[in-house]
Amino acid sequence: MPIDHSQEAGPARRFRPSQLPRPASIRLLQTFIILVCAAILGLEGWRDLTEHEKALEDAEVQMANLARSLRQHAEDTFEMTDYALAAVIDLLQANGTSREAMENLHSVLVNRVSLLPRIREIAVYGPDGSWLASSSQEILPDKSNQGDKGFFVHHRNSLSRRPYFAPPDRSRPLGERITTISRRFSKPDGSFGGVVVAVLDPSYFVRFYSQFDIGKHGSITLLSKDGTLLARVPYLETYPGVEPSRASPIVERLSRSPSGSFRLHSPIDGVSRVLGYDSGSYFPFFVVAGVSRSEALADWRREILVRGTGIGILVGAIGILGWRLVVQSRRRERAEAKLAILARTDGLTGLANRRSFDEQLAKEWYRSVRDRAPLSLVLVDIDRFKQFNDTYGHQAGDDCLRAVARAVRQVARRPADLPARYGGEEIVLLLPATGPEGAAKIAERLRSSVEAMAIPHAGNQPKGVVTVSVGTATLHLKPETAGERCDTLISLADSALYDAKRQGRNRVVMAAPGAIPA
């Protein structure tokens, strides 16, 4: 359907570099740079996460090995204490519990304790819990009956001769909690003869564990199987004997296997640690060694900081160089586009040149054939232009051509409309999908616009100003006309222009409308 050009519209837009479409090569380059940076950061992130886990696993192995060594030390301590008790029982069964035997036993007990500094006291109690002998009277002095103590009740009610590892209990004279290992001894007739008990020095394990470098927030803990705290580094005022309820999360984990490692937020001091543990094979205890999570990851964090700085610099450099490369590529593409446009543009008028017009005419011809749409052409010629040049000079002639070109551009209101310099003082306007009436209106608007500019032209009488003659032609194309040459439209417009000149100039003449014969 012919398009009505009678409505006002803005002038055709001129070329601006910012309106150039971004070439695919630049988008590909940008994508490649982004993918390279993302790949570097992704691989580095994956490596950091992997090494983070490895650092914690290495800490678990180290703590498990330390716990194994400390478990062996604790077990050796308890065994040596048990050996001392067994030796005392042998003496009791051989010599009895008479006053003289007890006086002789005292010196033996003193000697045993002096050889084993980890033992604070060894004492002997009769079948009723009364004190018979000891290595010292500081902890369990005379008249301190132990008949109600847990270790004594255990042996009185049990025939087992195995040592008993008692939970920490409070010493009556000193008011502090003590840990004991005890054994039952029998009278010659096999009846219950009493108990031999060794009191372990509460500070011995603390002093020993303090020798190990486990970091500022690390810990080494000696626990009974029920979770009672026996010894700990760092030292707690409440130890030993911290109630099992506070250590129950640890005990629950320890009870799953005799040894191993895990990670836990400590219920005792609230520090997150990587822990390794091992349990006694004969005595009911655990040793738990732990390093704080933050200290276990200290070397990892330092390495991440150094490597992350390097990766950041690398990615930043790639980004900057890539950005500069994109900018340079974009400038080059725009320059090439500008050159391409200049190669298709008339240097004097800024309109499309003849080559560009011929290519566009061929495209619009076949599009009109395909769409069965009309195709119009307006051919413009400046009246008596040679006389204008002779009278006013070539510079004025060039200015005149540019002014007429502006007028043509102003009436080319659609993106598909193409104004072009056809040659000399001739300018063409290609109007796709435009019928003869629309083309005639555009041509008349152009003619009157040029006349209204009132450019002096003494040689163009009777007007005395620059005027143009315009010929228009329209073809209603259809598939059966596809074999015709597109210069047929030019020939028709040229004939109409010739008629306009012959009829007196400064007028618009339309070629006879109609379809090309099949």
Protein backbone atom coordinates (compact mmCIF):
# COMPACT_ATOMS: atom_id res chain seq x y z
CA MET A 1 0.00 0.00 0.00
CA PRO A 2 1.44 3.45 -0.90
CA ILE A 3 2.66 5.40 2.09
CA ASP A 4 1.26 8.87 2.64
CA HIS A 5 4.10 11.39 3.03
CA SER A 6 1.81 14.31 3.57
CA GLN A 7 2.21 14.20 7.36
CA GLU A 8 5.05 16.15 8.89
CA ALA A 9 8.04 14.23 10.22
CA GLY A 10 11.59 14.96 11.29
CA PRO A 11 14.50 15.02 8.85
CA ALA A 12 16.47 11.89 8.07
CA ARG A 13 19.18 11.24 10.64
CA ARG A 14 22.81 11.64 9.74
CA PHE A 15 25.44 9.07 10.62
CA ARG A 16 26.79 9.13 14.21
CA PRO A 17 29.60 6.78 15.36
CA SER A 18 27.77 5.96 18.58
CA GLN A 19 24.93 4.48 16.52
CA LEU A 20 27.14 1.87 14.95
CA PRO A 21 26.19 -1.67 15.97
CA ARG A 22 28.78 -3.32 18.14
CA PRO A 23 30.70 -5.79 15.95
CA ALA A 24 30.51 -9.46 16.90
CA SER A 25 34.32 -9.57 17.16
CA ILE A 26 34.28 -7.04 20.01
CA ARG A 27 31.52 -8.90 21.86
CA LEU A 28 33.49 -12.12 21.41
CA LEU A 29 36.64 -10.47 22.76
CA GLN A 30 34.79 -9.11 25.79
CA THR A 31 33.24 -12.51 26.46
CA PHE A 32 36.63 -14.19 26.17
CA ILE A 33 38.26 -11.77 28.64
CA ILE A 34 35.42 -12.22 31.13
CA LEU A 35 35.62 -16.01 30.81
CA VAL A 36 39.41 -15.98 31.32
CA CYS A 37 39.10 -13.84 34.47
CA ALA A 38 36.19 -15.96 35.74
CA ALA A 39 38.14 -19.17 35.06
CA ILE A 40 41.19 -17.88 36.98
CA LEU A 41 39.06 -16.77 39.93
CA GLY A 42 37.01 -19.99 39.83
CA LEU A 43 40.06 -22.24 39.81
CA GLU A 44 41.69 -20.23 42.56
CA GLY A 45 38.51 -20.38 44.64
CA TRP A 46 38.28 -24.15 44.14
CA ARG A 47 41.94 -24.51 45.12
CA ASP A 48 41.42 -22.35 48.21
CA LEU A 49 38.46 -24.44 49.34
CA THR A 50 40.40 -27.65 48.74
CA GLU A 51 43.41 -26.42 50.71
CA HIS A 52 41.12 -25.11 53.44
CA GLU A 53 39.75 -28.61 53.97
CA LYS A 54 43.22 -30.14 53.69
CA ALA A 55 44.54 -27.78 56.39
CA LEU A 56 41.79 -28.94 58.76
CA GLU A 57 42.40 -32.59 57.88
CA ASP A 58 46.16 -32.18 58.53
CA ALA A 59 45.34 -30.61 61.90
CA GLU A 60 43.10 -33.59 62.71
CA VAL A 61 45.93 -36.01 61.93
CA GLN A 62 48.39 -34.02 64.07
CA MET A 63 45.99 -33.84 67.00
CA ALA A 64 45.17 -37.55 66.73
CA ASN A 65 48.90 -38.39 66.84
CA LEU A 66 49.41 -36.10 69.83
CA ALA A 67 46.43 -37.64 71.65
CA ARG A 68 47.84 -41.11 71.00
CA SER A 69 51.18 -40.13 72.57
CA LEU A 70 49.52 -38.47 75.56
CA ARG A 71 47.23 -41.46 76.05
CA GLN A 72 50.27 -43.69 76.26
CA HIS A 73 51.84 -41.36 78.81
CA ALA A 74 48.68 -41.32 80.96
CA GLU A 75 48.33 -45.07 80.75
CA ASP A 76 51.98 -45.53 81.78
CA THR A 77 51.36 -43.20 84.73
CA PHE A 78 48.33 -45.19 85.88
CA GLU A 79 50.10 -48.50 85.39
CA MET A 80 53.12 -47.43 87.43
CA THR A 81 50.76 -46.26 90.16
CA ASP A 82 49.00 -49.64 90.05
CA TYR A 83 52.33 -51.46 90.25
CA ALA A 84 53.13 -49.48 93.41
CA LEU A 85 49.77 -50.47 94.90
CA ALA A 86 50.32 -54.12 94.04
CA ALA A 87 53.71 -54.06 95.79
CA VAL A 88 52.14 -52.57 98.91
CA ILE A 89 49.44 -55.27 98.92
CA ASP A 90 52.12 -57.97 98.72
CA LEU A 91 53.72 -56.51 101.86
CA LEU A 92 50.37 -56.33 103.67
CA GLN A 93 49.53 -59.93 102.89
CA ALA A 94 52.99 -61.04 103.96
CA ASN A 95 53.32 -58.95 107.15
CA GLY A 96 49.73 -58.26 108.17
CA THR A 97 48.32 -55.02 109.56
CA SER A 98 49.77 -54.97 113.05
CA ARG A 99 50.99 -51.67 114.53
CA GLU A 100 54.61 -52.72 114.06
CA ALA A 101 53.92 -53.78 110.47
CA MET A 102 52.24 -50.44 109.79
CA GLU A 103 55.17 -48.50 111.23
CA ASN A 104 57.53 -50.40 108.96
CA LEU A 105 55.17 -49.93 106.03
CA HIS A 106 55.24 -46.14 106.47
CA SER A 107 58.89 -45.89 105.42
CA VAL A 108 58.19 -48.12 102.41
CA LEU A 109 55.32 -45.86 101.34
CA VAL A 110 57.45 -42.74 101.73
CA ASN A 111 60.14 -44.30 99.54
CA ARG A 112 57.59 -45.30 96.86
CA VAL A 113 56.13 -41.81 96.64
CA SER A 114 59.57 -40.20 96.44
CA LEU A 115 60.38 -42.37 93.41
CA LEU A 116 57.08 -41.53 91.71
CA PRO A 117 56.53 -37.74 91.90
CA ARG A 118 53.25 -38.05 89.99
CA ILE A 119 51.81 -39.84 93.09
CA ARG A 120 50.92 -37.44 95.86
CA GLU A 121 49.95 -39.95 98.54
CA ILE A 122 49.60 -43.69 99.18
CA ALA A 123 47.40 -44.71 102.11
CA VAL A 124 46.10 -47.94 103.67
CA TYR A 125 42.62 -48.31 105.23
CA GLY A 126 41.24 -51.11 107.29
CA PRO A 127 38.00 -53.06 106.65
CA ASP A 128 35.95 -50.40 108.43
CA GLY A 129 37.52 -47.51 106.54
CA SER A 130 39.82 -46.40 109.33
CA TRP A 131 43.31 -45.17 108.51
CA LEU A 132 46.14 -47.65 109.07
CA ALA A 133 49.19 -46.12 107.36
CA SER A 134 50.21 -43.58 104.73
CA SER A 135 53.22 -41.97 103.11
CA SER A 136 52.20 -38.66 104.70
CA GLN A 137 49.59 -37.30 107.04
CA GLU A 138 49.01 -34.08 105.06
CA ILE A 139 46.25 -35.33 102.80
CA LEU A 140 44.65 -38.18 104.69
CA PRO A 141 45.69 -37.77 108.32
CA ASP A 142 44.84 -39.98 111.26
CA LYS A 143 41.16 -40.33 112.16
CA SER A 144 40.05 -39.56 108.57
CA ASN A 145 37.72 -42.47 107.97
CA GLN A 146 37.11 -43.26 104.29
CA GLY A 147 34.36 -45.81 104.75
CA ASP A 148 31.82 -43.70 102.86
CA LYS A 149 34.03 -42.88 99.92
CA GLY A 150 33.20 -44.28 96.54
CA PHE A 151 36.45 -46.18 96.06
CA PHE A 152 36.11 -47.83 99.49
CA VAL A 153 32.47 -48.79 98.96
CA HIS A 154 33.35 -50.26 95.57
CA HIS A 155 36.04 -52.58 96.94
CA ARG A 156 34.03 -53.58 100.01
CA ASN A 157 31.18 -54.72 97.77
CA SER A 158 33.27 -56.32 95.05
CA LEU A 159 35.59 -59.32 95.13
CA SER A 160 37.52 -58.09 92.08
CA ARG A 161 41.21 -57.50 92.57
CA ARG A 162 41.43 -55.18 89.57
CA PRO A 163 42.44 -51.58 90.25
CA TYR A 164 39.61 -49.07 90.58
CA PHE A 165 39.90 -45.72 88.79
CA ALA A 166 37.62 -43.48 90.86
CA PRO A 167 36.07 -40.21 89.66
CA PRO A 168 37.53 -37.09 91.25
CA ASP A 169 36.35 -36.61 94.79
CA ARG A 170 36.82 -33.84 97.33
CA SER A 171 39.52 -34.37 99.96
CA ARG A 172 38.13 -33.70 103.41
CA PRO A 173 41.12 -32.00 105.01
CA LEU A 174 42.13 -29.79 102.08
CA GLY A 175 38.77 -29.33 100.36
CA GLU A 176 40.21 -29.94 96.86
CA ARG A 177 39.21 -32.57 94.32
CA ILE A 178 41.60 -35.49 93.98
CA THR A 179 41.85 -38.46 91.62
CA THR A 180 42.56 -41.88 93.07
CA ILE A 181 43.52 -45.38 91.98
CA SER A 182 42.88 -48.12 94.53
CA ARG A 183 43.09 -51.86 95.10
CA ARG A 184 41.40 -54.27 97.54
CA PHE A 185 43.48 -56.50 99.79
CA SER A 186 42.26 -59.53 101.73
CA LYS A 187 42.95 -61.06 105.12
CA PRO A 188 44.60 -64.53 105.33
CA ASP A 189 41.13 -66.07 105.52
CA GLY A 190 40.11 -64.34 102.26
CA SER A 191 37.77 -61.83 103.87
CA PHE A 192 37.86 -58.11 103.09
CA GLY A 193 40.99 -56.67 104.67
CA GLY A 194 40.83 -53.08 103.47
CA VAL A 195 41.95 -50.81 100.65
CA VAL A 196 45.25 -49.40 99.43
CA VAL A 197 44.69 -46.09 97.62
CA ALA A 198 47.05 -43.82 95.68
CA VAL A 199 46.22 -40.12 95.30
CA LEU A 200 47.47 -38.65 92.03
CA ASP A 201 48.93 -35.15 92.02
CA PRO A 202 46.26 -32.98 90.30
CA SER A 203 48.88 -30.60 88.89
CA TYR A 204 51.13 -33.30 87.42
CA PHE A 205 49.24 -33.68 84.15
CA VAL A 206 48.75 -29.90 83.85
CA ARG A 207 52.49 -29.31 84.14
CA PHE A 208 53.21 -32.07 81.63
CA TYR A 209 50.62 -30.94 79.08
CA SER A 210 51.80 -27.33 79.35
CA GLN A 211 55.07 -28.34 77.66
CA PHE A 212 53.33 -28.87 74.32
CA ASP A 213 52.82 -26.02 71.86
CA ILE A 214 49.20 -26.26 70.82
CA GLY A 215 48.65 -22.58 70.13
CA LYS A 216 47.08 -19.81 72.14
CA HIS A 217 43.61 -21.36 72.07
CA GLY A 218 44.52 -25.05 71.88
CA SER A 219 43.67 -27.52 74.64
CA ILE A 220 44.66 -30.90 76.05
CA THR A 221 42.08 -32.61 78.20
CA LEU A 222 42.13 -35.78 80.31
CA LEU A 223 38.60 -37.14 80.82
CA SER A 224 37.14 -40.11 82.60
CA LYS A 225 34.87 -42.36 80.55
CA ASP A 226 31.77 -40.69 82.03
CA GLY A 227 32.99 -37.28 80.91
CA THR A 228 34.37 -36.02 84.22
CA LEU A 229 37.26 -33.61 83.68
CA LEU A 230 40.46 -34.90 85.30
CA ALA A 231 43.04 -32.47 83.96
CA ARG A 232 43.14 -29.73 81.35
CA VAL A 233 45.39 -27.21 79.63
CA PRO A 234 44.64 -24.34 79.63
CA TYR A 235 43.94 -24.63 83.34
CA LEU A 236 40.38 -24.09 84.54
CA GLU A 237 39.62 -23.04 88.10
CA THR A 238 36.78 -25.54 88.17
CA TYR A 239 38.90 -28.54 87.19
CA PRO A 240 39.22 -31.36 88.02
CA GLY A 241 35.69 -32.67 88.38
CA VAL A 242 33.80 -30.57 85.84
CA GLU A 243 30.39 -32.22 85.74
CA PRO A 244 29.81 -34.75 82.94
CA SER A 245 26.79 -32.80 81.60
CA ARG A 246 29.03 -30.02 80.26
CA ALA A 247 31.33 -32.50 78.56
CA SER A 248 28.54 -34.75 77.27
CA PRO A 249 28.82 -33.56 73.60
CA ILE A 250 32.49 -34.54 73.68
CA VAL A 251 31.84 -37.84 75.43
CA GLU A 252 29.13 -38.68 72.90
CA ARG A 253 31.64 -38.24 70.08
CA LEU A 254 34.38 -40.11 71.96
CA SER A 255 32.14 -43.10 72.63
CA ARG A 256 31.72 -43.83 68.90
CA SER A 257 35.20 -45.32 68.54
CA PRO A 258 38.30 -45.84 70.71
CA SER A 259 40.25 -43.19 68.79
CA GLY A 260 39.78 -40.67 66.02
CA SER A 261 39.31 -37.00 65.29
CA PHE A 262 36.48 -34.52 64.87
CA ARG A 263 35.64 -30.82 64.93
CA LEU A 264 33.61 -29.35 67.76
CA HIS A 265 32.59 -26.11 69.44
CA SER A 266 33.85 -26.74 72.96
CA PRO A 267 31.10 -26.86 75.62
CA ILE A 268 33.73 -26.07 78.26
CA ASP A 269 35.22 -22.76 77.01
CA GLY A 270 33.25 -22.05 73.80
CA VAL A 271 36.21 -22.28 71.38
CA SER A 272 35.83 -24.06 68.01
CA ARG A 273 38.58 -26.66 67.75
CA VAL A 274 39.92 -29.48 65.61
CA LEU A 275 40.26 -32.42 68.00
CA GLY A 276 42.04 -35.75 68.08
CA TYR A 277 41.44 -38.33 70.82
CA ASP A 278 42.48 -41.74 72.10
CA SER A 279 41.15 -43.89 74.95
CA GLY A 280 42.87 -46.00 77.56
CA SER A 281 42.94 -49.73 76.88
CA TYR A 282 42.96 -50.77 80.56
CA PHE A 283 41.92 -47.69 82.53
CA PRO A 284 38.65 -45.81 81.75
CA PHE A 285 39.87 -42.47 80.43
CA PHE A 286 40.20 -40.38 77.27
CA VAL A 287 42.88 -37.94 76.18
CA VAL A 288 41.65 -35.22 73.84
CA ALA A 289 44.11 -32.86 72.10
CA GLY A 290 42.82 -29.92 70.11
CA VAL A 291 44.00 -26.86 68.23
CA SER A 292 41.67 -23.95 67.62
CA ARG A 293 40.14 -23.82 64.16
CA SER A 294 41.47 -20.32 63.57
CA GLU A 295 45.03 -21.33 64.46
CA ALA A 296 44.79 -24.50 62.36
CA LEU A 297 43.95 -22.26 59.39
CA ALA A 298 46.53 -19.56 60.15
CA ASP A 299 49.07 -20.76 57.56
CA TRP A 300 46.26 -21.25 55.03
CA ARG A 301 45.05 -17.70 55.55
CA ARG A 302 48.55 -16.27 55.13
CA GLU A 303 49.00 -18.24 51.92
CA ILE A 304 45.57 -17.16 50.69
CA LEU A 305 46.44 -13.53 51.38
CA VAL A 306 49.70 -13.73 49.44
CA ARG A 307 48.33 -15.81 46.59
CA GLY A 308 45.04 -13.89 46.52
CA THR A 309 46.95 -10.63 46.18
CA GLY A 310 48.90 -12.08 43.26
CA ILE A 311 45.75 -13.46 41.62
CA GLY A 312 44.00 -10.14 42.13
CA ILE A 313 46.86 -8.30 40.45
CA LEU A 314 46.89 -10.82 37.61
CA VAL A 315 43.13 -10.62 37.03
CA GLY A 316 43.27 -6.84 37.33
CA ALA A 317 46.07 -6.67 34.76
CA ILE A 318 44.17 -8.97 32.40
CA GLY A 319 41.05 -6.87 32.89
CA ILE A 320 42.88 -3.59 32.23
CA LEU A 321 44.76 -4.93 29.21
CA GLY A 322 41.58 -6.55 27.93
CA TRP A 323 39.64 -3.32 28.40
CA ARG A 324 42.30 -1.39 26.50
CA LEU A 325 42.25 -4.00 23.76
CA VAL A 326 38.46 -3.76 23.54
CA VAL A 327 38.65 0.03 23.39
CA GLN A 328 41.28 -0.10 20.66
CA SER A 329 39.28 -2.70 18.75
CA ARG A 330 36.14 -0.62 19.08
CA ARG A 331 37.96 2.47 17.82
CA ARG A 332 39.36 0.51 14.91
CA GLU A 333 35.95 -0.95 14.07
CA ARG A 334 34.37 2.49 14.23
CA ALA A 335 37.12 3.96 12.06
CA GLU A 336 36.61 1.18 9.56
CA ALA A 337 32.87 1.80 9.66
CA LYS A 338 33.45 5.50 9.11
CA LEU A 339 35.69 4.73 6.17
CA ALA A 340 33.06 2.38 4.79
CA ILE A 341 30.44 5.12 5.09
CA LEU A 342 32.78 7.68 3.53
CA ALA A 343 33.36 5.28 0.66
CA ARG A 344 29.59 5.23 0.11
CA THR A 345 29.01 8.94 0.69
CA ASP A 346 29.35 11.90 -1.62
CA GLY A 347 32.04 14.15 -0.20
CA LEU A 348 30.41 17.43 -1.28
CA THR A 349 26.77 16.93 -0.29
CA GLY A 350 26.98 14.27 2.41
CA LEU A 351 24.40 12.21 0.53
CA ALA A 352 24.87 8.63 -0.61
CA ASN A 353 27.05 8.39 -3.71
CA ARG A 354 26.18 6.75 -7.03
CA ARG A 355 27.63 3.37 -6.02
CA SER A 356 25.61 3.28 -2.82
CA PHE A 357 22.45 4.31 -4.70
CA ASP A 358 22.88 1.57 -7.32
CA GLU A 359 23.27 -1.11 -4.63
CA GLN A 360 20.26 0.12 -2.65
CA LEU A 361 18.11 0.39 -5.79
CA ALA A 362 18.84 -3.26 -6.64
CA LYS A 363 17.91 -4.35 -3.08
CA GLU A 364 14.68 -2.34 -3.00
CA TRP A 365 13.77 -3.56 -6.50
CA TYR A 366 13.85 -7.22 -5.45
CA ARG A 367 12.13 -6.46 -2.15
CA SER A 368 9.32 -4.69 -3.98
CA VAL A 369 8.99 -7.63 -6.38
CA ARG A 370 8.77 -10.02 -3.42
CA ASP A 371 6.28 -7.88 -1.49
CA ARG A 372 4.30 -6.72 -4.60
CA ALA A 373 4.91 -3.16 -3.38
CA PRO A 374 5.29 0.03 -5.44
CA LEU A 375 8.74 1.59 -5.85
CA SER A 376 9.13 5.30 -6.65
CA LEU A 377 12.07 7.43 -7.73
CA VAL A 378 12.41 11.20 -7.65
CA LEU A 379 15.06 12.68 -9.95
CA VAL A 380 16.05 16.32 -9.25
CA ASP A 381 18.06 18.68 -11.47
CA ILE A 382 19.07 22.28 -10.63
CA ASP A 383 17.82 24.61 -13.37
CA ARG A 384 20.53 26.36 -15.44
CA PHE A 385 23.24 25.28 -13.00
CA LYS A 386 26.07 25.82 -15.53
CA GLN A 387 25.10 29.47 -15.83
CA PHE A 388 25.05 29.69 -12.01
CA ASN A 389 28.63 28.41 -11.85
CA ASP A 390 29.72 30.76 -14.63
CA THR A 391 28.13 33.74 -12.90
CA TYR A 392 28.91 33.11 -9.23
CA GLY A 393 31.86 30.71 -9.34
CA HIS A 394 32.40 27.11 -8.43
CA GLN A 395 32.50 27.75 -4.68
CA ALA A 396 29.04 29.26 -4.81
CA GLY A 397 28.00 26.35 -7.02
CA ASP A 398 29.15 23.90 -4.38
CA ASP A 399 27.23 25.83 -1.70
CA CYS A 400 24.17 25.71 -3.90
CA LEU A 401 24.47 21.94 -4.32
CA ARG A 402 24.79 21.48 -0.55
CA ALA A 403 21.70 23.61 0.07
CA VAL A 404 19.63 21.59 -2.41
CA ALA A 405 20.99 18.35 -0.83
CA ARG A 406 19.76 19.56 2.57
CA ALA A 407 16.33 20.19 1.13
CA VAL A 408 16.26 16.67 -0.34
CA ARG A 409 17.38 15.20 2.97
CA GLN A 410 14.62 17.03 4.83
CA VAL A 411 11.90 15.42 2.74
CA ALA A 412 13.44 11.93 3.09
CA ARG A 413 11.65 11.25 6.34
CA ARG A 414 11.73 7.44 6.62
CA PRO A 415 14.79 5.32 7.38
CA ALA A 416 14.30 3.43 4.10
CA ASP A 417 14.18 6.62 1.99
CA LEU A 418 17.55 7.16 0.31
CA PRO A 419 18.69 10.56 -1.02
CA ALA A 420 21.79 10.31 -3.22
CA ARG A 421 23.87 12.44 -5.58
CA TYR A 422 23.36 10.92 -9.00
CA GLY A 423 25.87 13.01 -10.89
CA GLY A 424 26.72 16.70 -11.52
CA GLU A 425 23.74 18.77 -10.40
CA GLU A 426 21.36 15.78 -10.36
CA ILE A 427 20.10 14.31 -7.08
CA VAL A 428 17.84 11.28 -6.69
CA LEU A 429 15.51 10.19 -3.92
CA LEU A 430 14.58 6.49 -3.72
CA LEU A 431 11.19 5.89 -2.07
CA PRO A 432 10.38 2.23 -1.30
CA ALA A 433 6.73 1.25 -0.79
CA THR A 434 5.57 4.63 -2.09
CA GLY A 435 2.90 5.15 -4.74
CA PRO A 436 2.79 7.87 -7.43
CA GLU A 437 0.68 10.27 -5.35
CA GLY A 438 3.05 10.09 -2.41
CA ALA A 439 6.07 10.54 -4.66
CA ALA A 440 4.45 13.56 -6.36
CA LYS A 441 3.73 15.19 -2.97
CA ILE A 442 7.32 14.70 -1.84
CA ALA A 443 8.63 16.07 -5.14
CA GLU A 444 6.41 19.15 -4.94
CA ARG A 445 7.42 19.76 -1.34
CA LEU A 446 11.05 19.58 -2.39
CA ARG A 447 10.56 21.93 -5.37
CA SER A 448 8.79 24.57 -3.31
CA SER A 449 11.38 24.22 -0.51
CA VAL A 450 14.24 24.97 -2.89
CA GLU A 451 12.43 27.92 -4.40
CA ALA A 452 11.66 29.25 -0.92
CA MET A 453 15.37 29.30 -0.06
CA ALA A 454 15.61 32.22 -2.56
CA ILE A 455 19.21 31.62 -3.54
CA PRO A 456 19.95 34.40 -6.08
CA HIS A 457 20.36 33.16 -9.68
CA ALA A 458 20.28 36.02 -12.22
CA GLY A 459 20.51 33.62 -15.12
CA ASN A 460 17.37 31.70 -14.12
CA GLN A 461 14.58 33.96 -15.32
CA PRO A 462 11.83 34.79 -14.73
CA LYS A 463 12.26 33.71 -11.02
CA GLY A 464 15.76 35.05 -10.52
CA VAL A 465 16.42 32.44 -7.81
CA VAL A 466 17.63 28.87 -7.82
CA THR A 467 14.88 26.40 -8.79
CA VAL A 468 14.78 22.70 -9.56
CA SER A 469 13.02 20.53 -12.10
CA VAL A 470 11.77 17.20 -10.79
CA GLY A 471 10.76 14.01 -12.54
CA THR A 472 9.07 11.16 -10.67
CA ALA A 473 8.40 7.58 -11.67
CA THR A 474 6.61 4.72 -9.90
CA LEU A 475 6.52 1.04 -10.77
CA HIS A 476 4.05 -1.42 -9.27
CA LEU A 477 6.26 -4.51 -9.20
CA LYS A 478 5.16 -8.13 -9.02
CA PRO A 479 6.93 -11.51 -9.31
CA GLU A 480 6.35 -11.84 -13.03
CA THR A 481 8.35 -8.59 -13.55
CA ALA A 482 11.40 -9.91 -11.70
CA GLY A 483 13.30 -10.29 -14.97
CA GLU A 484 13.15 -6.56 -15.79
CA ARG A 485 16.17 -4.34 -15.21
CA CYS A 486 15.97 -1.95 -12.31
CA ASP A 487 17.37 0.90 -14.45
CA THR A 488 13.93 0.98 -16.10
CA LEU A 489 12.79 3.07 -13.14
CA ILE A 490 15.68 5.48 -13.70
CA SER A 491 14.84 5.79 -17.39
CA LEU A 492 11.20 6.63 -16.61
CA ALA A 493 12.21 9.25 -14.02
CA ASP A 494 14.76 10.72 -16.42
CA SER A 495 12.13 11.00 -19.13
CA ALA A 496 9.82 12.79 -16.70
CA LEU A 497 12.66 15.15 -15.73
CA TYR A 498 13.28 15.90 -19.41
CA ASP A 499 9.58 16.76 -19.80
CA ALA A 500 9.81 19.10 -16.79
CA LYS A 501 12.74 20.90 -18.41
CA ARG A 502 10.97 21.08 -21.75
CA GLN A 503 7.80 22.45 -20.18
CA GLY A 504 9.64 25.44 -18.70
CA ARG A 505 11.56 24.16 -15.61
CA ASN A 506 10.71 24.69 -11.91
CA ARG A 507 8.02 22.04 -11.98
CA VAL A 508 7.29 18.40 -11.14
CA VAL A 509 6.37 15.94 -13.87
CA MET A 510 5.18 12.39 -13.19
CA ALA A 511 5.97 9.53 -15.53
CA ALA A 512 2.91 7.69 -16.76
CA PRO A 513 1.88 5.25 -13.94
CA GLY A 514 1.39 1.54 -14.48
CA ALA A 515 3.00 -1.85 -14.11
CA ILE A 516 5.76 -3.07 -16.36
CA PRO A 517 4.33 -5.33 -19.05
CA ALA A 518 4.88 -9.01 -18.38
